[in-house]
Protein backbone atom coordinates (compact mmCIF):
# COMPACT_ATOMS: atom_id res chain seq x y z
CA MET A 1 3.75 -21.48 18.04
CA LYS A 2 5.17 -20.15 21.28
CA LYS A 3 5.64 -16.41 21.35
CA THR A 4 8.89 -15.24 22.87
CA ASP A 5 10.08 -11.84 24.05
CA ILE A 6 12.69 -11.82 21.28
CA LEU A 7 10.03 -12.18 18.55
CA ASP A 8 7.90 -9.56 20.25
CA VAL A 9 10.65 -6.94 20.44
CA ILE A 10 12.19 -7.63 17.02
CA SER A 11 8.85 -7.55 15.21
CA ARG A 12 7.84 -4.27 16.87
CA LYS A 13 11.20 -2.69 15.97
CA LEU A 14 11.41 -4.09 12.42
CA ALA A 15 7.82 -3.54 11.22
CA PRO A 16 8.03 0.29 11.00
CA PHE A 17 11.10 0.01 8.76
CA ILE A 18 9.31 -2.49 6.51
CA LEU A 19 6.32 -0.15 6.27
CA LEU A 20 8.62 2.78 5.50
CA PHE A 21 10.38 0.78 2.77
CA GLY A 22 6.98 -0.06 1.28
CA MET A 23 6.13 3.64 1.14
CA TYR A 24 9.52 4.32 -0.47
CA LEU A 25 8.81 1.74 -3.18
CA ILE A 26 5.40 3.26 -3.83
CA THR A 27 6.57 6.87 -4.05
CA TYR A 28 9.68 6.27 -6.15
CA GLY A 29 8.27 3.55 -8.39
CA HIS A 30 8.21 5.81 -11.43
CA LEU A 31 11.92 6.66 -11.03
CA SER A 32 13.36 3.30 -9.97
CA PRO A 33 12.23 -0.33 -9.75
CA GLY A 34 9.14 -0.56 -7.63
CA GLY A 35 5.71 0.97 -7.82
CA GLY A 36 2.29 0.66 -6.31
CA PHE A 37 1.91 -3.10 -6.46
CA GLN A 38 5.36 -3.95 -5.13
CA GLY A 39 5.17 -1.31 -2.41
CA GLY A 40 1.69 -2.46 -1.39
CA VAL A 41 2.91 -6.02 -1.01
CA VAL A 42 5.82 -4.84 1.15
CA LEU A 43 3.39 -2.80 3.29
CA ALA A 44 1.23 -5.87 3.77
CA SER A 45 4.29 -7.99 4.61
CA GLY A 46 5.05 -5.62 7.50
CA VAL A 47 1.56 -6.24 8.85
CA VAL A 48 1.94 -10.00 8.30
CA LEU A 49 5.15 -9.93 10.35
CA LEU A 50 3.21 -8.33 13.17
CA LEU A 51 0.38 -10.84 12.76
CA LEU A 52 2.80 -13.74 13.03
CA CYS A 53 4.67 -12.41 16.03
CA GLN A 54 2.06 -10.36 17.92
CA GLY A 55 -1.23 -12.09 17.17
CA THR A 56 -4.40 -10.80 15.55
CA ASP A 57 -5.84 -9.11 18.63
CA ARG A 58 -2.86 -6.81 19.16
CA VAL A 59 -2.50 -6.01 15.46
CA GLN A 60 -6.19 -5.17 15.09
CA LYS A 61 -5.71 -2.43 17.67
CA LEU A 62 -3.11 -0.85 15.36
CA PHE A 63 -4.94 -1.62 12.11
CA PRO A 64 -8.69 -2.00 12.82
CA LEU A 65 -10.49 -4.11 10.22
CA PRO A 66 -13.10 -1.44 9.36
CA VAL A 67 -10.32 1.08 8.67
CA VAL A 68 -8.36 -1.38 6.49
CA ASN A 69 -11.55 -2.36 4.68
CA SER A 70 -12.40 1.30 4.04
CA ALA A 71 -8.86 1.97 2.80
CA GLU A 72 -9.15 -0.91 0.34
CA ALA A 73 -12.49 0.36 -0.96
CA LEU A 74 -11.15 3.92 -1.17
CA GLY A 75 -8.17 2.69 -3.20
CA PHE A 76 -10.50 0.94 -5.64
CA LEU A 77 -12.74 3.99 -5.97
CA ALA A 78 -9.79 6.35 -6.44
CA PHE A 79 -8.34 4.07 -9.14
CA LEU A 80 -11.64 4.12 -11.04
CA LEU A 81 -11.96 7.89 -10.67
CA MET A 82 -8.43 8.42 -11.98
CA GLY A 83 -9.12 6.11 -14.88
CA PHE A 84 -12.32 7.86 -15.87
CA ALA A 85 -10.72 11.29 -15.38
CA GLY A 86 -8.53 10.47 -18.37
CA VAL A 87 -11.66 9.74 -20.41
CA LEU A 88 -13.29 12.94 -19.15
CA PHE A 89 -10.32 15.03 -20.30
CA GLY A 90 -10.45 13.62 -23.81
CA GLY A 91 -8.05 10.67 -23.58
CA GLY A 92 -8.50 7.01 -22.90
CA PHE A 93 -8.97 5.16 -19.63
CA LEU A 94 -6.00 5.96 -17.33
CA SER A 95 -4.66 8.58 -19.75
CA ASN A 96 -2.46 11.20 -18.14
CA PHE A 97 -4.43 14.38 -17.46
CA LEU A 98 -1.84 16.24 -15.36
CA PRO A 99 1.07 18.31 -16.72
CA VAL A 100 4.29 16.40 -17.31
CA GLY A 101 7.58 17.91 -16.10
CA LYS A 102 11.21 17.00 -16.76
CA ALA A 103 12.30 13.37 -16.84
CA GLY A 104 13.74 12.06 -13.58
CA GLU A 105 11.96 14.52 -11.31
CA VAL A 106 9.39 13.44 -8.75
CA PRO A 107 6.63 15.85 -9.84
CA GLY A 108 7.47 15.28 -13.50
CA ALA A 109 5.60 12.03 -13.99
CA GLY A 110 2.13 13.44 -14.41
CA PHE A 111 -0.34 11.37 -12.49
CA ILE A 112 1.83 8.23 -12.19
CA LEU A 113 2.89 9.10 -8.62
CA ILE A 114 -0.74 9.52 -7.57
CA LEU A 115 -1.66 6.29 -9.36
CA ASN A 116 1.16 4.45 -7.56
CA LEU A 117 -0.12 5.76 -4.21
CA VAL A 118 -3.64 4.59 -5.02
CA VAL A 119 -2.50 1.16 -6.21
CA GLY A 120 -0.22 0.80 -3.17
CA LEU A 121 -3.12 1.60 -0.86
CA LYS A 122 -5.42 -0.87 -2.65
CA VAL A 123 -2.91 -3.72 -2.78
CA GLY A 124 -1.56 -3.18 0.74
CA ALA A 125 -5.01 -3.01 2.29
CA GLY A 126 -6.32 -5.92 0.20
CA ILE A 127 -3.50 -8.30 1.08
CA THR A 128 -3.68 -7.18 4.72
CA LEU A 129 -7.40 -8.03 4.78
CA ILE A 130 -6.76 -11.44 3.24
CA CYS A 131 -4.10 -12.19 5.84
CA PHE A 132 -6.29 -10.94 8.71
CA TYR A 133 -9.06 -13.33 7.71
CA LEU A 134 -6.67 -16.23 7.14
CA PHE A 135 -5.03 -15.73 10.53
CA LYS A 136 -8.43 -15.62 12.25
CA GLU A 137 -9.22 -19.15 11.09
């Protein structure tokens, strides 16, 4: 595929908004449709747009593979730690162990916001890694 200046400029201008929308979906997933998985996929789609239009070499300078790989592993570890924290505090796996506030408020969801952030990190980094390796072939 021939890369043009139009694709180059549009992808560089559009990708930050896609990444920002992915973060919005992750952080407000407990109040509106969205959540960690959906937001993580949107985050990865922003990187895929850059991969398609910029190439793997340029994108790896922005998102180095060791950093993305570490983020994916950190997301997995944090998910397990949050799950076992519920068991440690006397509940079941992934039981809420933080205080719950009023319905409809951002800090009122207990640990769901933190869980959405962890899942978004894991899914976004995982799909980004898959796409990096597929685009290298």
